[in-house]
PDB file of N, CA and C in Angstrom:
ATOM      1  N   MET A   1      76.516  92.478 124.996  1.00  0.00           N
ATOM      2  CA  MET A   1      77.043  93.628 124.276  1.00  0.00           C
ATOM      3  C   MET A   1      78.598  93.483 124.172  1.00  0.00           C
ATOM      4  N   LEU A   2      79.221  92.879 125.189  1.00  0.00           N
ATOM      5  CA  LEU A   2      80.696  92.754 125.133  1.00  0.00           C
ATOM      6  C   LEU A   2      81.090  91.853 124.037  1.00  0.00           C
ATOM      7  N   LEU A   3      80.363  90.748 123.843  1.00  0.00           N
ATOM      8  CA  LEU A   3      80.726  89.820 122.760  1.00  0.00           C
ATOM      9  C   LEU A   3      80.424  90.497 121.356  1.00  0.00           C
ATOM     10  N   ASP A   4      79.362  91.278 121.275  1.00  0.00           N
ATOM     11  CA  ASP A   4      79.113  91.982 119.958  1.00  0.00           C
ATOM     12  C   ASP A   4      80.177  92.963 119.690  1.00  0.00           C
ATOM     13  N   LEU A   5      80.694  93.676 120.688  1.00  0.00           N
ATOM     14  CA  LEU A   5      81.802  94.649 120.593  1.00  0.00           C
ATOM     15  C   LEU A   5      83.026  93.858 120.129  1.00  0.00           C
ATOM     16  N   LYS A   6      83.323  92.685 120.664  1.00  0.00           N
ATOM     17  CA  LYS A   6      84.437  91.913 120.340  1.00  0.00           C
ATOM     18  C   LYS A   6      84.337  91.517 118.799  1.00  0.00           C
ATOM     19  N   ASN A   7      83.082  91.015 118.416  1.00  0.00           N
ATOM     20  CA  ASN A   7      82.924  90.618 116.986  1.00  0.00           C
ATOM     21  C   ASN A   7      83.125  91.827 116.083  1.00  0.00           C
ATOM     22  N   TYR A   8      82.620  92.994 116.475  1.00  0.00           N
ATOM     23  CA  TYR A   8      82.778  94.164 115.599  1.00  0.00           C
ATOM     24  C   TYR A   8      84.274  94.594 115.474  1.00  0.00           C
ATOM     25  N   LEU A   9      84.995  94.560 116.565  1.00  0.00           N
ATOM     26  CA  LEU A   9      86.337  94.904 116.462  1.00  0.00           C
ATOM     27  C   LEU A   9      87.175  93.894 115.705  1.00  0.00           C
ATOM     28  N   GLU A  10      86.845  92.635 115.754  1.00  0.00           N
ATOM     29  CA  GLU A  10      87.523  91.624 114.958  1.00  0.00           C
ATOM     30  C   GLU A  10      87.270  91.848 113.515  1.00  0.00           C
ATOM     31  N   ALA A  11      86.040  92.284 113.120  1.00  0.00           N
ATOM     32  CA  ALA A  11      85.721  92.475 111.745  1.00  0.00           C
ATOM     33  C   ALA A  11      86.179  93.825 111.248  1.00  0.00           C
ATOM     34  N   HIS A  12      86.270  94.818 112.059  1.00  0.00           N
ATOM     35  CA  HIS A  12      86.636  96.171 111.619  1.00  0.00           C
ATOM     36  C   HIS A  12      87.889  96.673 112.312  1.00  0.00           C
ATOM     37  N   ASN A  13      88.893  95.853 112.324  1.00  0.00           N
ATOM     38  CA  ASN A  13      90.148  96.112 113.150  1.00  0.00           C
ATOM     39  C   ASN A  13      91.080  96.958 112.356  1.00  0.00           C
ATOM     40  N   PRO A  14      91.549  98.100 112.815  1.00  0.00           N
ATOM     41  CA  PRO A  14      91.115  98.734 113.993  1.00  0.00           C
ATOM     42  C   PRO A  14      89.887  99.648 113.785  1.00  0.00           C
ATOM     43  N   ALA A  15      89.326 100.194 114.906  1.00  0.00           N
ATOM     44  CA  ALA A  15      88.111 101.012 114.761  1.00  0.00           C
ATOM     45  C   ALA A  15      88.329 102.245 115.728  1.00  0.00           C
ATOM     46  N   SER A  16      87.841 103.363 115.221  1.00  0.00           N
ATOM     47  CA  SER A  16      87.900 104.543 116.137  1.00  0.00           C
ATOM     48  C   SER A  16      86.698 104.540 117.093  1.00  0.00           C
ATOM     49  N   ILE A  17      86.852 105.231 118.152  1.00  0.00           N
ATOM     50  CA  ILE A  17      85.796 105.340 119.118  1.00  0.00           C
ATOM     51  C   ILE A  17      84.578 106.017 118.466  1.00  0.00           C
ATOM     52  N   GLY A  18      84.844 106.935 117.512  1.00  0.00           N
ATOM     53  CA  GLY A  18      83.766 107.543 116.793  1.00  0.00           C
ATOM     54  C   GLY A  18      82.962 106.553 115.917  1.00  0.00           C
ATOM     55  N   ASP A  19      83.684 105.691 115.235  1.00  0.00           N
ATOM     56  CA  ASP A  19      83.060 104.603 114.446  1.00  0.00           C
ATOM     57  C   ASP A  19      82.195 103.724 115.362  1.00  0.00           C
ATOM     58  N   LEU A  20      82.723 103.364 116.515  1.00  0.00           N
ATOM     59  CA  LEU A  20      82.026 102.446 117.418  1.00  0.00           C
ATOM     60  C   LEU A  20      80.785 103.149 117.981  1.00  0.00           C
ATOM     61  N   ALA A  21      80.944 104.427 118.332  1.00  0.00           N
ATOM     62  CA  ALA A  21      79.823 105.198 118.930  1.00  0.00           C
ATOM     63  C   ALA A  21      78.678 105.336 117.831  1.00  0.00           C
ATOM     64  N   THR A  22      79.066 105.597 116.651  1.00  0.00           N
ATOM     65  CA  THR A  22      78.096 105.634 115.530  1.00  0.00           C
ATOM     66  C   THR A  22      77.397 104.265 115.348  1.00  0.00           C
ATOM     67  N   HIS A  23      78.180 103.229 115.227  1.00  0.00           N
ATOM     68  CA  HIS A  23      77.638 101.934 115.018  1.00  0.00           C
ATOM     69  C   HIS A  23      76.662 101.463 116.121  1.00  0.00           C
ATOM     70  N   TYR A  24      76.993 101.728 117.370  1.00  0.00           N
ATOM     71  CA  TYR A  24      76.160 101.306 118.450  1.00  0.00           C
ATOM     72  C   TYR A  24      75.163 102.376 118.990  1.00  0.00           C
ATOM     73  N   SER A  25      75.238 103.581 118.427  1.00  0.00           N
ATOM     74  CA  SER A  25      74.433 104.681 118.810  1.00  0.00           C
ATOM     75  C   SER A  25      74.442 104.899 120.277  1.00  0.00           C
ATOM     76  N   ILE A  26      75.709 104.903 120.846  1.00  0.00           N
ATOM     77  CA  ILE A  26      75.856 105.269 122.265  1.00  0.00           C
ATOM     78  C   ILE A  26      77.017 106.184 122.442  1.00  0.00           C
ATOM     79  N   GLU A  27      77.080 106.835 123.526  1.00  0.00           N
ATOM     80  CA  GLU A  27      78.125 107.824 123.820  1.00  0.00           C
ATOM     81  C   GLU A  27      79.486 107.150 123.914  1.00  0.00           C
ATOM     82  N   PRO A  28      80.566 107.806 123.474  1.00  0.00           N
ATOM     83  CA  PRO A  28      81.934 107.239 123.565  1.00  0.00           C
ATOM     84  C   PRO A  28      82.320 106.899 124.991  1.00  0.00           C
ATOM     85  N   ASP A  29      81.912 107.580 126.003  1.00  0.00           N
ATOM     86  CA  ASP A  29      82.219 107.242 127.364  1.00  0.00           C
ATOM     87  C   ASP A  29      81.678 105.944 127.790  1.00  0.00           C
ATOM     88  N   ALA A  30      80.505 105.610 127.367  1.00  0.00           N
ATOM     89  CA  ALA A  30      79.861 104.339 127.634  1.00  0.00           C
ATOM     90  C   ALA A  30      80.702 103.165 127.012  1.00  0.00           C
ATOM     91  N   LEU A  31      81.107 103.381 125.792  1.00  0.00           N
ATOM     92  CA  LEU A  31      81.910 102.409 125.074  1.00  0.00           C
ATOM     93  C   LEU A  31      83.263 102.228 125.736  1.00  0.00           C
ATOM     94  N   ARG A  32      83.885 103.279 126.221  1.00  0.00           N
ATOM     95  CA  ARG A  32      85.208 103.217 126.895  1.00  0.00           C
ATOM     96  C   ARG A  32      85.162 102.224 128.067  1.00  0.00           C
ATOM     97  N   GLY A  33      84.083 102.248 128.776  1.00  0.00           N
ATOM     98  CA  GLY A  33      83.929 101.289 129.901  1.00  0.00           C
ATOM     99  C   GLY A  33      83.946  99.844 129.407  1.00  0.00           C
ATOM    100  N   MET A  34      83.236  99.562 128.331  1.00  0.00           N
ATOM    101  CA  MET A  34      83.260  98.242 127.776  1.00  0.00           C
ATOM    102  C   MET A  34      84.581  97.829 127.195  1.00  0.00           C
ATOM    103  N   LEU A  35      85.217  98.862 126.494  1.00  0.00           N
ATOM    104  CA  LEU A  35      86.524  98.593 125.911  1.00  0.00           C
ATOM    105  C   LEU A  35      87.527  98.357 127.008  1.00  0.00           C
ATOM    106  N   ASP A  36      87.452  99.079 128.133  1.00  0.00           N
ATOM    107  CA  ASP A  36      88.339  98.826 129.266  1.00  0.00           C
ATOM    108  C   ASP A  36      88.278  97.417 129.727  1.00  0.00           C
ATOM    109  N   HIS A  37      87.143  96.785 129.666  1.00  0.00           N
ATOM    110  CA  HIS A  37      87.010  95.336 130.032  1.00  0.00           C
ATOM    111  C   HIS A  37      88.004  94.460 129.185  1.00  0.00           C
ATOM    112  N   TRP A  38      87.949  94.713 127.867  1.00  0.00           N
ATOM    113  CA  TRP A  38      88.812  93.958 126.952  1.00  0.00           C
ATOM    114  C   TRP A  38      90.234  94.372 127.074  1.00  0.00           C
ATOM    115  N   ILE A  39      90.531  95.656 127.404  1.00  0.00           N
ATOM    116  CA  ILE A  39      91.930  96.039 127.572  1.00  0.00           C
ATOM    117  C   ILE A  39      92.453  95.346 128.817  1.00  0.00           C
ATOM    118  N   ARG A  40      91.773  95.264 129.854  1.00  0.00           N
ATOM    119  CA  ARG A  40      92.228  94.559 131.119  1.00  0.00           C
ATOM    120  C   ARG A  40      92.533  93.101 130.848  1.00  0.00           C
ATOM    121  N   LYS A  41      91.778  92.477 129.954  1.00  0.00           N
ATOM    122  CA  LYS A  41      91.986  91.058 129.590  1.00  0.00           C
ATOM    123  C   LYS A  41      93.055  90.885 128.527  1.00  0.00           C
ATOM    124  N   GLY A  42      93.646  92.037 128.080  1.00  0.00           N
ATOM    125  CA  GLY A  42      94.798  91.949 127.142  1.00  0.00           C
ATOM    126  C   GLY A  42      94.280  91.684 125.708  1.00  0.00           C
ATOM    127  N   LYS A  43      93.022  91.873 125.417  1.00  0.00           N
ATOM    128  CA  LYS A  43      92.442  91.599 124.128  1.00  0.00           C
ATOM    129  C   LYS A  43      92.401  92.815 123.201  1.00  0.00           C
ATOM    130  N   VAL A  44      92.370  93.968 123.819  1.00  0.00           N
ATOM    131  CA  VAL A  44      92.256  95.218 122.990  1.00  0.00           C
ATOM    132  C   VAL A  44      93.412  96.170 123.419  1.00  0.00           C
ATOM    133  N   LYS A  45      93.816  96.939 122.438  1.00  0.00           N
ATOM    134  CA  LYS A  45      94.844  97.972 122.664  1.00  0.00           C
ATOM    135  C   LYS A  45      94.326  99.294 122.251  1.00  0.00           C
ATOM    136  N   ARG A  46      94.508 100.326 123.031  1.00  0.00           N
ATOM    137  CA  ARG A  46      93.991 101.655 122.723  1.00  0.00           C
ATOM    138  C   ARG A  46      95.304 102.478 122.089  1.00  0.00           C
ATOM    139  N   LEU A  47      95.007 103.088 121.048  1.00  0.00           N
ATOM    140  CA  LEU A  47      96.066 103.921 120.344  1.00  0.00           C
ATOM    141  C   LEU A  47      95.615 105.287 120.257  1.00  0.00           C
ATOM    142  N   GLU A  48      96.441 106.278 120.483  1.00  0.00           N
ATOM    143  CA  GLU A  48      96.223 107.630 120.299  1.00  0.00           C
ATOM    144  C   GLU A  48      96.967 108.153 119.100  1.00  0.00           C
ATOM    145  N   LEU A  49      96.309 108.471 118.034  1.00  0.00           N
ATOM    146  CA  LEU A  49      96.974 109.016 116.836  1.00  0.00           C
ATOM    147  C   LEU A  49      96.993 110.545 116.901  1.00  0.00           C
ATOM    148  N   GLY A  50      98.147 111.151 116.715  1.00  0.00           N
ATOM    149  CA  GLY A  50      98.231 112.580 116.713  1.00  0.00           C
ATOM    150  C   GLY A  50      97.605 113.254 115.538  1.00  0.00           C
ATOM    151  N   CYS A  51      97.063 114.400 115.704  1.00  0.00           N
ATOM    152  CA  CYS A  51      96.515 115.196 114.614  1.00  0.00           C
ATOM    153  C   CYS A  51      97.671 115.880 113.859  1.00  0.00           C
ATOM    154  N   THR A  52      97.505 115.907 112.524  1.00  0.00           N
ATOM    155  CA  THR A  52      98.591 116.561 111.675  1.00  0.00           C
ATOM    156  C   THR A  52      98.082 117.827 111.012  1.00  0.00           C
ATOM    157  N   CYS A  53      96.905 118.346 111.452  1.00  0.00           N
ATOM    158  CA  CYS A  53      96.489 119.553 110.663  1.00  0.00           C
ATOM    159  C   CYS A  53      97.393 120.731 111.043  1.00  0.00           C
ATOM    160  N   LYS A  54      97.269 121.757 110.270  1.00  0.00           N
ATOM    161  CA  LYS A  54      98.159 122.964 110.394  1.00  0.00           C
ATOM    162  C   LYS A  54      98.071 123.549 111.782  1.00  0.00           C
ATOM    163  N   SER A  55      96.885 123.762 112.283  1.00  0.00           N
ATOM    164  CA  SER A  55      96.654 124.417 113.546  1.00  0.00           C
ATOM    165  C   SER A  55      97.297 123.577 114.680  1.00  0.00           C
ATOM    166  N   CYS A  56      97.042 122.287 114.672  1.00  0.00           N
ATOM    167  CA  CYS A  56      97.534 121.407 115.697  1.00  0.00           C
ATOM    168  C   CYS A  56      99.009 121.246 115.683  1.00  0.00           C
ATOM    169  N   SER A  57      99.572 121.187 114.459  1.00  0.00           N
ATOM    170  CA  SER A  57     101.078 121.031 114.336  1.00  0.00           C
ATOM    171  C   SER A  57     101.786 122.283 114.786  1.00  0.00           C
ATOM    172  N   GLN A  58     101.087 123.391 114.892  1.00  0.00           N
ATOM    173  CA  GLN A  58     101.741 124.665 115.323  1.00  0.00           C
ATOM    174  C   GLN A  58     101.478 124.954 116.839  1.00  0.00           C
ATOM    175  N   GLY A  59     101.022 123.832 117.542  1.00  0.00           N
ATOM    176  CA  GLY A  59     100.828 123.997 118.956  1.00  0.00           C
ATOM    177  C   GLY A  59      99.453 124.338 119.395  1.00  0.00           C
ATOM    178  N   GLY A  60      98.552 124.583 118.442  1.00  0.00           N
ATOM    179  CA  GLY A  60      97.133 124.915 118.831  1.00  0.00           C
ATOM    180  C   GLY A  60      96.291 123.661 118.757  1.00  0.00           C
ATOM    181  N   THR A  61      94.957 123.909 118.777  1.00  0.00           N
ATOM    182  CA  THR A  61      94.045 122.789 118.548  1.00  0.00           C
ATOM    183  C   THR A  61      92.998 123.364 117.569  1.00  0.00           C
ATOM    184  N   CYS A  62      92.621 122.496 116.590  1.00  0.00           N
ATOM    185  CA  CYS A  62      91.687 122.951 115.620  1.00  0.00           C
ATOM    186  C   CYS A  62      90.286 122.865 116.119  1.00  0.00           C
ATOM    187  N   GLY A  63      89.975 122.015 117.052  1.00  0.00           N
ATOM    188  CA  GLY A  63      88.645 121.889 117.619  1.00  0.00           C
ATOM    189  C   GLY A  63      87.718 120.958 116.748  1.00  0.00           C
ATOM    190  N   SER A  64      88.164 120.604 115.629  1.00  0.00           N
ATOM    191  CA  SER A  64      87.317 119.676 114.777  1.00  0.00           C
ATOM    192  C   SER A  64      87.991 118.338 114.539  1.00  0.00           C
ATOM    193  N   CYS A  65      89.207 118.252 114.075  1.00  0.00           N
ATOM    194  CA  CYS A  65      89.762 116.964 113.791  1.00  0.00           C
ATOM    195  C   CYS A  65      90.363 116.312 115.063  1.00  0.00           C
ATOM    196  N   CYS A  66      90.577 117.099 116.088  1.00  0.00           N
ATOM    197  CA  CYS A  66      91.072 116.576 117.377  1.00  0.00           C
ATOM    198  C   CYS A  66      89.908 116.016 118.147  1.00  0.00           C
ATOM    199  N   SER A  67      89.242 115.039 117.593  1.00  0.00           N
ATOM    200  CA  SER A  67      88.080 114.482 118.230  1.00  0.00           C
ATOM    201  C   SER A  67      88.246 113.032 118.408  1.00  0.00           C
ATOM    202  N   THR A  68      87.156 112.280 118.502  1.00  0.00           N
ATOM    203  CA  THR A  68      87.152 110.922 118.758  1.00  0.00           C
ATOM    204  C   THR A  68      87.754 110.096 117.650  1.00  0.00           C
ATOM    205  N   SER A  69      87.883 110.650 116.442  1.00  0.00           N
ATOM    206  CA  SER A  69      88.428 109.910 115.333  1.00  0.00           C
ATOM    207  C   SER A  69      89.869 109.501 115.478  1.00  0.00           C
ATOM    208  N   PHE A  70      90.623 110.089 116.429  1.00  0.00           N
ATOM    209  CA  PHE A  70      92.001 109.807 116.634  1.00  0.00           C
ATOM    210  C   PHE A  70      92.219 108.870 117.870  1.00  0.00           C
ATOM    211  N   GLU A  71      91.182 108.428 118.418  1.00  0.00           N
ATOM    212  CA  GLU A  71      91.223 107.427 119.540  1.00  0.00           C
ATOM    213  C   GLU A  71      90.844 106.083 118.896  1.00  0.00           C
ATOM    214  N   ILE A  72      91.839 105.248 118.665  1.00  0.00           N
ATOM    215  CA  ILE A  72      91.683 103.994 117.927  1.00  0.00           C
ATOM    216  C   ILE A  72      91.800 102.807 118.834  1.00  0.00           C
ATOM    217  N   TYR A  73      90.964 101.779 118.554  1.00  0.00           N
ATOM    218  CA  TYR A  73      91.126 100.590 119.344  1.00  0.00           C
ATOM    219  C   TYR A  73      91.344  99.446 118.414  1.00  0.00           C
ATOM    220  N   GLN A  74      92.315  98.564 118.764  1.00  0.00           N
ATOM    221  CA  GLN A  74      92.685  97.426 118.000  1.00  0.00           C
ATOM    222  C   GLN A  74      92.359  96.121 118.809  1.00  0.00           C
ATOM    223  N   TRP A  75      91.804  95.161 118.101  1.00  0.00           N
ATOM    224  CA  TRP A  75      91.621  93.802 118.688  1.00  0.00           C
ATOM    225  C   TRP A  75      92.962  93.103 118.495  1.00  0.00           C
ATOM    226  N   LEU A  76      93.489  92.572 119.544  1.00  0.00           N
ATOM    227  CA  LEU A  76      94.790  91.868 119.472  1.00  0.00           C
ATOM    228  C   LEU A  76      94.529  90.420 119.033  1.00  0.00           C
ATOM    229  N   ASP A  77      95.112  90.031 117.930  1.00  0.00           N
ATOM    230  CA  ASP A  77      94.858  88.718 117.338  1.00  0.00           C
ATOM    231  C   ASP A  77      95.747  87.760 118.046  1.00  0.00           C
ATOM    232  N   GLY A  78      95.163  86.674 118.688  1.00  0.00           N
ATOM    233  CA  GLY A  78      95.900  85.623 119.291  1.00  0.00           C
ATOM    234  C   GLY A  78      96.771  84.795 118.388  1.00  0.00           C
ATOM    235  N   ALA A  79      96.405  84.799 117.134  1.00  0.00           N
ATOM    236  CA  ALA A  79      97.076  84.061 116.085  1.00  0.00           C
ATOM    237  C   ALA A  79      98.531  84.630 115.848  1.00  0.00           C
ATOM    238  N   ASN A  80      98.736  85.855 116.184  1.00  0.00           N
ATOM    239  CA  ASN A  80     100.043  86.450 115.903  1.00  0.00           C
ATOM    240  C   ASN A  80     100.746  86.848 117.179  1.00  0.00           C
ATOM    241  N   ASP A  81     100.577  86.002 118.221  1.00  0.00           N
ATOM    242  CA  ASP A  81     101.230  86.151 119.498  1.00  0.00           C
ATOM    243  C   ASP A  81     101.065  87.499 120.183  1.00  0.00           C
ATOM    244  N   GLY A  82      99.789  87.990 120.164  1.00  0.00           N
ATOM    245  CA  GLY A  82      99.498  89.215 120.931  1.00  0.00           C
ATOM    246  C   GLY A  82      99.846  90.501 120.197  1.00  0.00           C
ATOM    247  N   LYS A  83     100.288  90.417 118.993  1.00  0.00           N
ATOM    248  CA  LYS A  83     100.529  91.604 118.315  1.00  0.00           C
ATOM    249  C   LYS A  83      99.319  92.157 117.628  1.00  0.00           C
ATOM    250  N   ALA A  84      99.137  93.433 117.674  1.00  0.00           N
ATOM    251  CA  ALA A  84      97.933  94.069 117.123  1.00  0.00           C
ATOM    252  C   ALA A  84      97.921  93.973 115.586  1.00  0.00           C
ATOM    253  N   ALA A  85      96.692  94.055 115.017  1.00  0.00           N
ATOM    254  CA  ALA A  85      96.606  94.111 113.601  1.00  0.00           C
ATOM    255  C   ALA A  85      97.128  95.454 113.133  1.00  0.00           C
ATOM    256  N   SER A  86      97.496  95.545 111.837  1.00  0.00           N
ATOM    257  CA  SER A  86      98.044  96.714 111.320  1.00  0.00           C
ATOM    258  C   SER A  86      97.044  97.933 111.296  1.00  0.00           C
ATOM    259  N   PRO A  87      97.455  99.115 111.877  1.00  0.00           N
ATOM    260  CA  PRO A  87      96.570 100.262 111.929  1.00  0.00           C
ATOM    261  C   PRO A  87      96.526 100.999 110.637  1.00  0.00           C
ATOM    262  N   ASP A  88      96.941 100.501 109.504  1.00  0.00           N
ATOM    263  CA  ASP A  88      97.017 101.205 108.260  1.00  0.00           C
ATOM    264  C   ASP A  88      95.723 101.885 107.849  1.00  0.00           C
ATOM    265  N   ARG A  89      94.672 101.374 108.247  1.00  0.00           N
ATOM    266  CA  ARG A  89      93.339 101.878 107.911  1.00  0.00           C
ATOM    267  C   ARG A  89      93.275 103.437 108.340  1.00  0.00           C
ATOM    268  N   TYR A  90      93.940 103.853 109.375  1.00  0.00           N
ATOM    269  CA  TYR A  90      93.880 105.220 109.862  1.00  0.00           C
ATOM    270  C   TYR A  90      95.136 105.960 109.603  1.00  0.00           C
ATOM    271  N   SER A  91      96.055 105.542 108.797  1.00  0.00           N
ATOM    272  CA  SER A  91      97.315 106.264 108.492  1.00  0.00           C
ATOM    273  C   SER A  91      97.111 107.196 107.408  1.00  0.00           C
TER     274      SER A  91
END
């Protein structure tokens, strides 16, 4: 499963925890454990993107967009000296 996760992240870089959970049909918490393996090895980087909806930007939480879609994981490409691939897909 770890190698499949690696292959998925390389092909869909970056990917949200929500995308990964949907693809593998498992809970995000189970995926986080596997992703932590790759993070410890320096192969994956976790990004937290802030929500920009009106409710959240005024100090509240909207309860819908502040979900797993803003927890992003990037596979770090060894070909570019450990720098992450561009997160433009979620900008």
